[in-house]
Amino acid sequence: MRFPLIASLVALFSLVEALAVLVQPAAAQSVGPVGLDAPCAAALAARLTDGDDVRVLGCDPAGRGRAVVALGDPATAPNVVVLVPGADIDLATLDDPAHPDKRPFGWARSLYSDAPDTAVVLWVGYPTPQGLGRDAATGRLARAAVPALAEEVAALHDRPVGPPHLTVIGHSYGAVVVTLAAHELAADDLVLLASPGARVDDVAGLHTTARVFAARGPDDWIRFVPHIELGDLGHGADPVDPWFGAVRLPAGDVVGHDGYFRAGTASLAAMAAVVSSGVRS
């Protein structure tokens, strides 16, 4: 009888120890700006260009790879959008020609088509979480991404011809990156899509002068993520809750977790209005 009891106690202590490690904020080395590797950029441009105005602003093949890709010219467009994706997105997975609605480059292309006088910059500038494990449930990778995102947004804002109307859109874990960076972003608008949590209690906690919008589809699985925050585990407050204080965008016709940019949806039309300096809520 003693051996099962001892084994149970060891297992219990191991579980407590593992939980203690998990809830402690873990450090991750901040990522720098995405470099421009010429062969990487040429291959990516050839892969993505389909008769439209694709510009590879950054391409780094190291590790899983990072990239910054623009549709339109962010140096001159009156409106500029920075789209920050979430888990499982990297150089290899940022697009899917067979199913464009399921990947961020397809989302960028949809928004570019619907938003007049707008350049859309897809920023895959950080190592995103892989799967739904520890990295997706904590803020480690999001914190590491903040300096590079802030620098990218500042460069797009502080351009020779004067600043554009600038919107930063975060999807899923990308929305966590955006909320953690909010106080450093030179943005007019922030849009939080399918967010697992904001890591602050309300809009005031973001310490930003930007307008803040949020959306979540009715059957998006992210709605089942508990909005807890235990140390670094969990992302806290839900941006679509009324008390958070964000303007809620229509998303009643969004299907799944990746349907926010699908052609003809109210969510895409609303985002196009926001990034084009208008508001539809």
C-alpha atoms as a PDB file:
ATOM      1  CA  MET A   1       0.000   0.000   0.000  1.00  0.00           C
ATOM      2  CA  ARG A   2       2.897   2.354   0.688  1.00  0.00           C
ATOM      3  CA  PHE A   3       4.263   2.230  -2.874  1.00  0.00           C
ATOM      4  CA  PRO A   4       1.022   3.435  -4.588  1.00  0.00           C
ATOM      5  CA  LEU A   5       0.759   6.188  -1.956  1.00  0.00           C
ATOM      6  CA  ILE A   6       4.351   7.288  -2.525  1.00  0.00           C
ATOM      7  CA  ALA A   7       3.867   7.175  -6.294  1.00  0.00           C
ATOM      8  CA  SER A   8       0.720   9.293  -5.986  1.00  0.00           C
ATOM      9  CA  LEU A   9       2.511  11.848  -3.822  1.00  0.00           C
ATOM     10  CA  VAL A  10       5.398  12.048  -6.282  1.00  0.00           C
ATOM     11  CA  ALA A  11       2.963  12.554  -9.144  1.00  0.00           C
ATOM     12  CA  LEU A  12       1.110  15.247  -7.200  1.00  0.00           C
ATOM     13  CA  PHE A  13       4.305  17.136  -6.323  1.00  0.00           C
ATOM     14  CA  SER A  14       5.456  16.876  -9.944  1.00  0.00           C
ATOM     15  CA  LEU A  15       2.149  18.304 -11.152  1.00  0.00           C
ATOM     16  CA  VAL A  16       2.345  21.204  -8.685  1.00  0.00           C
ATOM     17  CA  GLU A  17       5.923  21.896  -9.708  1.00  0.00           C
ATOM     18  CA  ALA A  18       5.011  21.842 -13.405  1.00  0.00           C
ATOM     19  CA  LEU A  19       2.071  24.194 -12.826  1.00  0.00           C
ATOM     20  CA  ALA A  20       4.288  26.580 -10.861  1.00  0.00           C
ATOM     21  CA  VAL A  21       6.746  26.691 -13.772  1.00  0.00           C
ATOM     22  CA  LEU A  22       3.934  27.239 -16.259  1.00  0.00           C
ATOM     23  CA  VAL A  23       2.322  30.196 -14.496  1.00  0.00           C
ATOM     24  CA  GLN A  24       5.597  32.052 -14.016  1.00  0.00           C
ATOM     25  CA  PRO A  25       6.204  34.553 -16.832  1.00  0.00           C
ATOM     26  CA  ALA A  26       8.937  33.069 -18.990  1.00  0.00           C
ATOM     27  CA  ALA A  27      11.424  35.204 -20.856  1.00  0.00           C
ATOM     28  CA  ALA A  28      11.978  34.909 -24.576  1.00  0.00           C
ATOM     29  CA  GLN A  29      14.603  36.788 -26.508  1.00  0.00           C
ATOM     30  CA  SER A  30      13.028  39.708 -28.348  1.00  0.00           C
ATOM     31  CA  VAL A  31      13.001  39.262 -32.094  1.00  0.00           C
ATOM     32  CA  GLY A  32      14.508  41.908 -34.326  1.00  0.00           C
ATOM     33  CA  PRO A  33      13.130  43.329 -37.570  1.00  0.00           C
ATOM     34  CA  VAL A  34      12.753  40.885 -40.440  1.00  0.00           C
ATOM     35  CA  GLY A  35      15.782  41.092 -42.706  1.00  0.00           C
ATOM     36  CA  LEU A  36      15.660  41.009 -46.492  1.00  0.00           C
ATOM     37  CA  ASP A  37      17.392  37.893 -47.777  1.00  0.00           C
ATOM     38  CA  ALA A  38      17.456  38.327 -51.563  1.00  0.00           C
ATOM     39  CA  PRO A  39      16.943  34.678 -52.636  1.00  0.00           C
ATOM     40  CA  CYS A  40      14.223  34.241 -50.000  1.00  0.00           C
ATOM     41  CA  ALA A  41      12.456  37.412 -51.149  1.00  0.00           C
ATOM     42  CA  ALA A  42      12.629  36.463 -54.828  1.00  0.00           C
ATOM     43  CA  ALA A  43      11.188  33.014 -54.183  1.00  0.00           C
ATOM     44  CA  LEU A  44       8.412  34.411 -51.995  1.00  0.00           C
ATOM     45  CA  ALA A  45       7.487  37.096 -54.534  1.00  0.00           C
ATOM     46  CA  ALA A  46       7.294  34.502 -57.305  1.00  0.00           C
ATOM     47  CA  ARG A  47       5.142  32.281 -55.094  1.00  0.00           C
ATOM     48  CA  LEU A  48       2.665  34.993 -54.080  1.00  0.00           C
ATOM     49  CA  THR A  49       2.343  37.257 -57.113  1.00  0.00           C
ATOM     50  CA  ASP A  50      -0.829  36.651 -59.096  1.00  0.00           C
ATOM     51  CA  GLY A  51      -1.202  39.744 -61.234  1.00  0.00           C
ATOM     52  CA  ASP A  52      -1.453  42.046 -58.224  1.00  0.00           C
ATOM     53  CA  ASP A  53       0.893  44.495 -56.550  1.00  0.00           C
ATOM     54  CA  VAL A  54       2.898  42.269 -54.189  1.00  0.00           C
ATOM     55  CA  ARG A  55       5.975  43.718 -52.489  1.00  0.00           C
ATOM     56  CA  VAL A  56       8.222  41.613 -50.259  1.00  0.00           C
ATOM     57  CA  LEU A  57       9.498  44.001 -47.588  1.00  0.00           C
ATOM     58  CA  GLY A  58      11.265  41.354 -45.541  1.00  0.00           C
ATOM     59  CA  CYS A  59      12.119  37.676 -45.848  1.00  0.00           C
ATOM     60  CA  ASP A  60      14.226  35.653 -43.428  1.00  0.00           C
ATOM     61  CA  PRO A  61      14.538  31.902 -44.084  1.00  0.00           C
ATOM     62  CA  ALA A  62      16.185  31.113 -40.730  1.00  0.00           C
ATOM     63  CA  GLY A  63      14.319  28.589 -38.600  1.00  0.00           C
ATOM     64  CA  ARG A  64      10.651  28.404 -39.576  1.00  0.00           C
ATOM     65  CA  GLY A  65      11.106  31.644 -41.493  1.00  0.00           C
ATOM     66  CA  ARG A  66       9.613  35.125 -41.153  1.00  0.00           C
ATOM     67  CA  ALA A  67       8.272  37.528 -43.760  1.00  0.00           C
ATOM     68  CA  VAL A  68       6.749  40.956 -44.296  1.00  0.00           C
ATOM     69  CA  VAL A  69       4.668  41.244 -47.473  1.00  0.00           C
ATOM     70  CA  ALA A  70       2.681  44.215 -48.760  1.00  0.00           C
ATOM     71  CA  LEU A  71      -0.196  44.444 -51.192  1.00  0.00           C
ATOM     72  CA  GLY A  72      -0.095  47.979 -52.574  1.00  0.00           C
ATOM     73  CA  ASP A  73       2.494  50.609 -51.726  1.00  0.00           C
ATOM     74  CA  PRO A  74       2.643  51.418 -47.990  1.00  0.00           C
ATOM     75  CA  ALA A  75       5.017  54.308 -48.733  1.00  0.00           C
ATOM     76  CA  THR A  76       2.284  56.287 -50.508  1.00  0.00           C
ATOM     77  CA  ALA A  77      -1.140  54.770 -49.735  1.00  0.00           C
ATOM     78  CA  PRO A  78      -3.473  57.033 -47.695  1.00  0.00           C
ATOM     79  CA  ASN A  79      -4.412  54.038 -45.529  1.00  0.00           C
ATOM     80  CA  VAL A  80      -2.083  51.300 -44.310  1.00  0.00           C
ATOM     81  CA  VAL A  81      -3.052  48.102 -42.493  1.00  0.00           C
ATOM     82  CA  VAL A  82      -0.693  45.797 -40.606  1.00  0.00           C
ATOM     83  CA  LEU A  83      -2.094  42.279 -40.230  1.00  0.00           C
ATOM     84  CA  VAL A  84      -0.599  40.192 -37.413  1.00  0.00           C
ATOM     85  CA  PRO A  85      -1.484  36.470 -37.578  1.00  0.00           C
ATOM     86  CA  GLY A  86      -1.402  33.918 -34.795  1.00  0.00           C
ATOM     87  CA  ALA A  87      -0.410  30.307 -34.202  1.00  0.00           C
ATOM     88  CA  ASP A  88       1.179  28.035 -36.797  1.00  0.00           C
ATOM     89  CA  ILE A  89       1.916  30.805 -39.309  1.00  0.00           C
ATOM     90  CA  ASP A  90       5.408  31.127 -40.735  1.00  0.00           C
ATOM     91  CA  LEU A  91       7.179  31.510 -44.065  1.00  0.00           C
ATOM     92  CA  ALA A  92       5.850  28.173 -45.332  1.00  0.00           C
ATOM     93  CA  THR A  93       2.253  28.521 -44.121  1.00  0.00           C
ATOM     94  CA  LEU A  94       1.381  32.175 -44.686  1.00  0.00           C
ATOM     95  CA  ASP A  95      -0.489  31.306 -47.893  1.00  0.00           C
ATOM     96  CA  ASP A  96      -2.509  28.452 -49.356  1.00  0.00           C
ATOM     97  CA  PRO A  97      -3.351  28.849 -53.057  1.00  0.00           C
ATOM     98  CA  ALA A  98      -5.907  26.034 -52.909  1.00  0.00           C
ATOM     99  CA  HIS A  99      -7.724  27.492 -49.897  1.00  0.00           C
ATOM    100  CA  PRO A 100      -6.770  31.190 -49.686  1.00  0.00           C
ATOM    101  CA  ASP A 101      -9.455  31.987 -47.098  1.00  0.00           C
ATOM    102  CA  LYS A 102      -7.634  29.805 -44.595  1.00  0.00           C
ATOM    103  CA  ARG A 103      -4.290  31.629 -44.623  1.00  0.00           C
ATOM    104  CA  PRO A 104      -3.224  35.191 -43.779  1.00  0.00           C
ATOM    105  CA  PHE A 105      -2.022  36.157 -47.240  1.00  0.00           C
ATOM    106  CA  GLY A 106      -5.477  35.305 -48.574  1.00  0.00           C
ATOM    107  CA  TRP A 107      -6.977  37.468 -45.813  1.00  0.00           C
ATOM    108  CA  ALA A 108      -4.677  40.331 -46.791  1.00  0.00           C
ATOM    109  CA  ARG A 109      -5.696  39.984 -50.423  1.00  0.00           C
ATOM    110  CA  SER A 110      -9.420  40.056 -49.504  1.00  0.00           C
ATOM    111  CA  LEU A 111      -8.996  43.193 -47.421  1.00  0.00           C
ATOM    112  CA  TYR A 112      -6.884  44.837 -50.121  1.00  0.00           C
ATOM    113  CA  SER A 113      -9.644  44.175 -52.655  1.00  0.00           C
ATOM    114  CA  ASP A 114     -12.368  45.645 -50.431  1.00  0.00           C
ATOM    115  CA  ALA A 115     -10.599  48.667 -48.897  1.00  0.00           C
ATOM    116  CA  PRO A 116      -9.999  51.565 -51.314  1.00  0.00           C
ATOM    117  CA  ASP A 117      -6.742  53.533 -51.252  1.00  0.00           C
ATOM    118  CA  THR A 118      -5.241  51.038 -48.816  1.00  0.00           C
ATOM    119  CA  ALA A 119      -2.019  49.076 -48.629  1.00  0.00           C
ATOM    120  CA  VAL A 120      -2.143  45.881 -46.573  1.00  0.00           C
ATOM    121  CA  VAL A 121       1.048  44.672 -44.889  1.00  0.00           C
ATOM    122  CA  LEU A 122       1.106  41.060 -43.692  1.00  0.00           C
ATOM    123  CA  TRP A 123       3.553  40.928 -40.782  1.00  0.00           C
ATOM    124  CA  VAL A 124       4.783  37.413 -40.038  1.00  0.00           C
ATOM    125  CA  GLY A 125       7.583  38.926 -38.021  1.00  0.00           C
ATOM    126  CA  TYR A 126       7.794  36.664 -34.981  1.00  0.00           C
ATOM    127  CA  PRO A 127       7.971  32.950 -34.167  1.00  0.00           C
ATOM    128  CA  THR A 128       4.302  32.111 -33.667  1.00  0.00           C
ATOM    129  CA  PRO A 129       3.111  29.373 -31.296  1.00  0.00           C
ATOM    130  CA  GLN A 130       2.926  25.902 -32.780  1.00  0.00           C
ATOM    131  CA  GLY A 131      -0.321  24.175 -31.958  1.00  0.00           C
ATOM    132  CA  LEU A 132      -2.341  24.799 -28.812  1.00  0.00           C
ATOM    133  CA  GLY A 133       0.334  24.038 -26.236  1.00  0.00           C
ATOM    134  CA  ARG A 134       2.140  26.093 -23.627  1.00  0.00           C
ATOM    135  CA  ASP A 135       3.276  28.848 -25.981  1.00  0.00           C
ATOM    136  CA  ALA A 136      -0.275  29.507 -27.175  1.00  0.00           C
ATOM    137  CA  ALA A 137      -1.539  29.713 -23.591  1.00  0.00           C
ATOM    138  CA  THR A 138       1.139  32.106 -22.295  1.00  0.00           C
ATOM    139  CA  GLY A 139       2.442  35.517 -23.286  1.00  0.00           C
ATOM    140  CA  ARG A 140       6.079  34.566 -23.822  1.00  0.00           C
ATOM    141  CA  LEU A 141       6.175  34.722 -27.619  1.00  0.00           C
ATOM    142  CA  ALA A 142       3.857  37.729 -27.754  1.00  0.00           C
ATOM    143  CA  ARG A 143       6.118  39.733 -25.455  1.00  0.00           C
ATOM    144  CA  ALA A 144       9.124  38.813 -27.581  1.00  0.00           C
ATOM    145  CA  ALA A 145       7.328  40.106 -30.690  1.00  0.00           C
ATOM    146  CA  VAL A 146       6.418  43.539 -29.317  1.00  0.00           C
ATOM    147  CA  PRO A 147       9.635  45.485 -30.125  1.00  0.00           C
ATOM    148  CA  ALA A 148       9.767  44.279 -33.738  1.00  0.00           C
ATOM    149  CA  LEU A 149       6.083  45.024 -34.336  1.00  0.00           C
ATOM    150  CA  ALA A 150       6.394  48.482 -32.809  1.00  0.00           C
ATOM    151  CA  GLU A 151       9.414  49.210 -34.996  1.00  0.00           C
ATOM    152  CA  GLU A 152       7.615  48.013 -38.143  1.00  0.00           C
ATOM    153  CA  VAL A 153       4.554  50.152 -37.409  1.00  0.00           C
ATOM    154  CA  ALA A 154       6.718  53.190 -36.613  1.00  0.00           C
ATOM    155  CA  ALA A 155       8.536  52.825 -39.943  1.00  0.00           C
ATOM    156  CA  LEU A 156       5.234  52.665 -41.827  1.00  0.00           C
ATOM    157  CA  HIS A 157       3.922  55.688 -39.917  1.00  0.00           C
ATOM    158  CA  ASP A 158       7.000  57.925 -40.106  1.00  0.00           C
ATOM    159  CA  ARG A 159       7.315  58.056 -43.876  1.00  0.00           C
ATOM    160  CA  PRO A 160       8.552  61.009 -45.978  1.00  0.00           C
ATOM    161  CA  VAL A 161       5.147  61.851 -47.477  1.00  0.00           C
ATOM    162  CA  GLY A 162       3.477  62.041 -44.063  1.00  0.00           C
ATOM    163  CA  PRO A 163       1.727  59.450 -41.909  1.00  0.00           C
ATOM    164  CA  PRO A 164      -1.122  57.346 -43.281  1.00  0.00           C
ATOM    165  CA  HIS A 165      -4.281  56.388 -41.489  1.00  0.00           C
ATOM    166  CA  LEU A 166      -2.810  53.281 -39.866  1.00  0.00           C
ATOM    167  CA  THR A 167      -4.666  50.249 -38.555  1.00  0.00           C
ATOM    168  CA  VAL A 168      -3.190  47.179 -36.846  1.00  0.00           C
ATOM    169  CA  ILE A 169      -5.279  43.995 -36.971  1.00  0.00           C
ATOM    170  CA  GLY A 170      -4.415  41.009 -34.801  1.00  0.00           C
ATOM    171  CA  HIS A 171      -5.992  37.596 -35.344  1.00  0.00           C
ATOM    172  CA  SER A 172      -6.101  34.970 -32.576  1.00  0.00           C
ATOM    173  CA  TYR A 173      -2.695  34.889 -30.824  1.00  0.00           C
ATOM    174  CA  GLY A 174      -1.755  37.815 -33.055  1.00  0.00           C
ATOM    175  CA  ALA A 175      -4.371  39.838 -31.154  1.00  0.00           C
ATOM    176  CA  VAL A 176      -2.418  39.112 -27.953  1.00  0.00           C
ATOM    177  CA  VAL A 177       0.688  40.536 -29.618  1.00  0.00           C
ATOM    178  CA  VAL A 178      -1.265  43.646 -30.603  1.00  0.00           C
ATOM    179  CA  THR A 179      -2.682  44.270 -27.121  1.00  0.00           C
ATOM    180  CA  LEU A 180       0.725  43.866 -25.467  1.00  0.00           C
ATOM    181  CA  ALA A 181       2.235  46.277 -28.008  1.00  0.00           C
ATOM    182  CA  ALA A 182      -0.708  48.712 -28.030  1.00  0.00           C
ATOM    183  CA  HIS A 183       0.965  51.403 -25.927  1.00  0.00           C
ATOM    184  CA  GLU A 184       3.934  51.461 -28.331  1.00  0.00           C
ATOM    185  CA  LEU A 185       2.072  51.368 -31.642  1.00  0.00           C
ATOM    186  CA  ALA A 186       1.760  54.512 -33.755  1.00  0.00           C
ATOM    187  CA  ALA A 187      -1.691  53.417 -34.893  1.00  0.00           C
ATOM    188  CA  ASP A 188      -5.047  55.113 -35.329  1.00  0.00           C
ATOM    189  CA  ASP A 189      -7.056  51.913 -34.960  1.00  0.00           C
ATOM    190  CA  LEU A 190      -6.560  48.483 -33.433  1.00  0.00           C
ATOM    191  CA  VAL A 191      -8.744  45.524 -34.416  1.00  0.00           C
ATOM    192  CA  LEU A 192      -8.774  42.355 -32.292  1.00  0.00           C
ATOM    193  CA  LEU A 193     -10.203  39.336 -34.102  1.00  0.00           C
ATOM    194  CA  ALA A 194     -10.884  35.974 -32.464  1.00  0.00           C
ATOM    195  CA  SER A 195      -8.812  37.004 -29.459  1.00  0.00           C
ATOM    196  CA  PRO A 196      -8.121  34.478 -26.690  1.00  0.00           C
ATOM    197  CA  GLY A 197      -7.779  37.414 -24.274  1.00  0.00           C
ATOM    198  CA  ALA A 198      -6.379  40.914 -23.988  1.00  0.00           C
ATOM    199  CA  ARG A 199      -4.017  40.588 -20.990  1.00  0.00           C
ATOM    200  CA  VAL A 200      -5.515  43.799 -19.594  1.00  0.00           C
ATOM    201  CA  ASP A 201      -8.873  44.397 -17.920  1.00  0.00           C
ATOM    202  CA  ASP A 202     -10.271  46.928 -20.377  1.00  0.00           C
ATOM    203  CA  VAL A 203      -9.449  49.340 -23.189  1.00  0.00           C
ATOM    204  CA  ALA A 204      -8.043  51.877 -20.723  1.00  0.00           C
ATOM    205  CA  GLY A 205      -5.449  49.295 -19.711  1.00  0.00           C
ATOM    206  CA  LEU A 206      -4.039  49.290 -23.243  1.00  0.00           C
ATOM    207  CA  HIS A 207      -2.779  52.870 -22.744  1.00  0.00           C
ATOM    208  CA  THR A 208      -3.415  53.798 -26.340  1.00  0.00           C
ATOM    209  CA  THR A 209      -5.099  56.704 -28.083  1.00  0.00           C
ATOM    210  CA  ALA A 210      -6.144  54.407 -30.931  1.00  0.00           C
ATOM    211  CA  ARG A 211      -9.745  53.362 -31.405  1.00  0.00           C
ATOM    212  CA  VAL A 212     -10.158  49.729 -30.407  1.00  0.00           C
ATOM    213  CA  PHE A 213     -12.445  47.289 -32.218  1.00  0.00           C
ATOM    214  CA  ALA A 214     -13.118  43.609 -31.586  1.00  0.00           C
ATOM    215  CA  ALA A 215     -14.987  40.765 -33.271  1.00  0.00           C
ATOM    216  CA  ARG A 216     -15.688  37.077 -32.762  1.00  0.00           C
ATOM    217  CA  GLY A 217     -17.817  34.800 -34.904  1.00  0.00           C
ATOM    218  CA  PRO A 218     -20.687  32.822 -33.337  1.00  0.00           C
ATOM    219  CA  ASP A 219     -19.151  29.389 -34.015  1.00  0.00           C
ATOM    220  CA  ASP A 220     -15.478  30.268 -33.647  1.00  0.00           C
ATOM    221  CA  TRP A 221     -13.882  27.664 -31.344  1.00  0.00           C
ATOM    222  CA  ILE A 222     -11.958  30.440 -29.602  1.00  0.00           C
ATOM    223  CA  ARG A 223     -15.162  31.206 -27.662  1.00  0.00           C
ATOM    224  CA  PHE A 224     -14.479  28.120 -25.544  1.00  0.00           C
ATOM    225  CA  VAL A 225     -11.097  29.407 -24.338  1.00  0.00           C
ATOM    226  CA  PRO A 226     -11.513  30.367 -20.658  1.00  0.00           C
ATOM    227  CA  HIS A 227     -10.676  34.004 -19.960  1.00  0.00           C
ATOM    228  CA  ILE A 228      -8.512  33.370 -16.940  1.00  0.00           C
ATOM    229  CA  GLU A 229      -5.090  34.709 -16.071  1.00  0.00           C
ATOM    230  CA  LEU A 230      -3.059  32.734 -13.560  1.00  0.00           C
ATOM    231  CA  GLY A 231       0.430  34.150 -13.609  1.00  0.00           C
ATOM    232  CA  ASP A 232       1.407  33.858 -17.259  1.00  0.00           C
ATOM    233  CA  LEU A 233      -1.131  31.130 -17.980  1.00  0.00           C
ATOM    234  CA  GLY A 234      -4.186  32.397 -19.852  1.00  0.00           C
ATOM    235  CA  HIS A 235      -4.781  35.734 -21.548  1.00  0.00           C
ATOM    236  CA  GLY A 236      -7.471  37.281 -19.360  1.00  0.00           C
ATOM    237  CA  ALA A 237     -10.299  39.589 -20.388  1.00  0.00           C
ATOM    238  CA  ASP A 238     -12.377  38.965 -23.505  1.00  0.00           C
ATOM    239  CA  PRO A 239     -12.235  41.984 -25.858  1.00  0.00           C
ATOM    240  CA  VAL A 240     -15.765  41.339 -27.205  1.00  0.00           C
ATOM    241  CA  ASP A 241     -17.368  41.614 -23.761  1.00  0.00           C
ATOM    242  CA  PRO A 242     -19.196  44.956 -23.457  1.00  0.00           C
ATOM    243  CA  TRP A 243     -17.419  45.927 -20.263  1.00  0.00           C
ATOM    244  CA  PHE A 244     -14.039  45.690 -21.981  1.00  0.00           C
ATOM    245  CA  GLY A 245     -14.942  48.843 -23.889  1.00  0.00           C
ATOM    246  CA  ALA A 246     -14.014  47.964 -27.485  1.00  0.00           C
ATOM    247  CA  VAL A 247     -16.359  48.729 -30.368  1.00  0.00           C
ATOM    248  CA  ARG A 248     -17.737  45.392 -31.477  1.00  0.00           C
ATOM    249  CA  LEU A 249     -17.685  44.765 -35.220  1.00  0.00           C
ATOM    250  CA  PRO A 250     -20.344  42.590 -36.885  1.00  0.00           C
ATOM    251  CA  ALA A 251     -19.306  38.961 -37.244  1.00  0.00           C
ATOM    252  CA  GLY A 252     -22.588  37.082 -37.263  1.00  0.00           C
ATOM    253  CA  ASP A 253     -21.895  35.511 -40.645  1.00  0.00           C
ATOM    254  CA  VAL A 254     -18.324  34.457 -39.878  1.00  0.00           C
ATOM    255  CA  VAL A 255     -17.795  30.713 -40.172  1.00  0.00           C
ATOM    256  CA  GLY A 256     -15.079  29.106 -38.067  1.00  0.00           C
ATOM    257  CA  HIS A 257     -11.867  30.614 -36.754  1.00  0.00           C
ATOM    258  CA  ASP A 258     -10.494  31.844 -40.061  1.00  0.00           C
ATOM    259  CA  GLY A 259     -13.582  33.222 -41.823  1.00  0.00           C
ATOM    260  CA  TYR A 260     -13.352  36.896 -40.857  1.00  0.00           C
ATOM    261  CA  PHE A 261     -11.954  38.005 -44.217  1.00  0.00           C
ATOM    262  CA  ARG A 262     -14.176  35.890 -46.442  1.00  0.00           C
ATOM    263  CA  ALA A 263     -15.622  37.815 -49.388  1.00  0.00           C
ATOM    264  CA  GLY A 264     -19.137  39.098 -48.789  1.00  0.00           C
ATOM    265  CA  THR A 265     -19.059  38.858 -44.987  1.00  0.00           C
ATOM    266  CA  ALA A 266     -20.161  41.714 -42.758  1.00  0.00           C
ATOM    267  CA  SER A 267     -16.879  41.415 -40.863  1.00  0.00           C
ATOM    268  CA  LEU A 268     -14.802  42.071 -43.988  1.00  0.00           C
ATOM    269  CA  ALA A 269     -16.995  45.030 -44.952  1.00  0.00           C
ATOM    270  CA  ALA A 270     -16.701  46.471 -41.441  1.00  0.00           C
ATOM    271  CA  MET A 271     -12.932  46.126 -41.380  1.00  0.00           C
ATOM    272  CA  ALA A 272     -12.665  47.706 -44.826  1.00  0.00           C
ATOM    273  CA  ALA A 273     -14.682  50.663 -43.508  1.00  0.00           C
ATOM    274  CA  VAL A 274     -12.469  51.014 -40.434  1.00  0.00           C
ATOM    275  CA  VAL A 275      -9.176  50.860 -42.302  1.00  0.00           C
ATOM    276  CA  SER A 276     -10.482  53.299 -44.924  1.00  0.00           C
ATOM    277  CA  SER A 277     -11.033  55.824 -42.112  1.00  0.00           C
ATOM    278  CA  GLY A 278     -14.740  55.125 -41.723  1.00  0.00           C
ATOM    279  CA  VAL A 279     -16.529  53.141 -39.060  1.00  0.00           C
ATOM    280  CA  ARG A 280     -19.265  50.561 -39.484  1.00  0.00           C
ATOM    281  CA  SER A 281     -20.426  48.826 -36.309  1.00  0.00           C
END
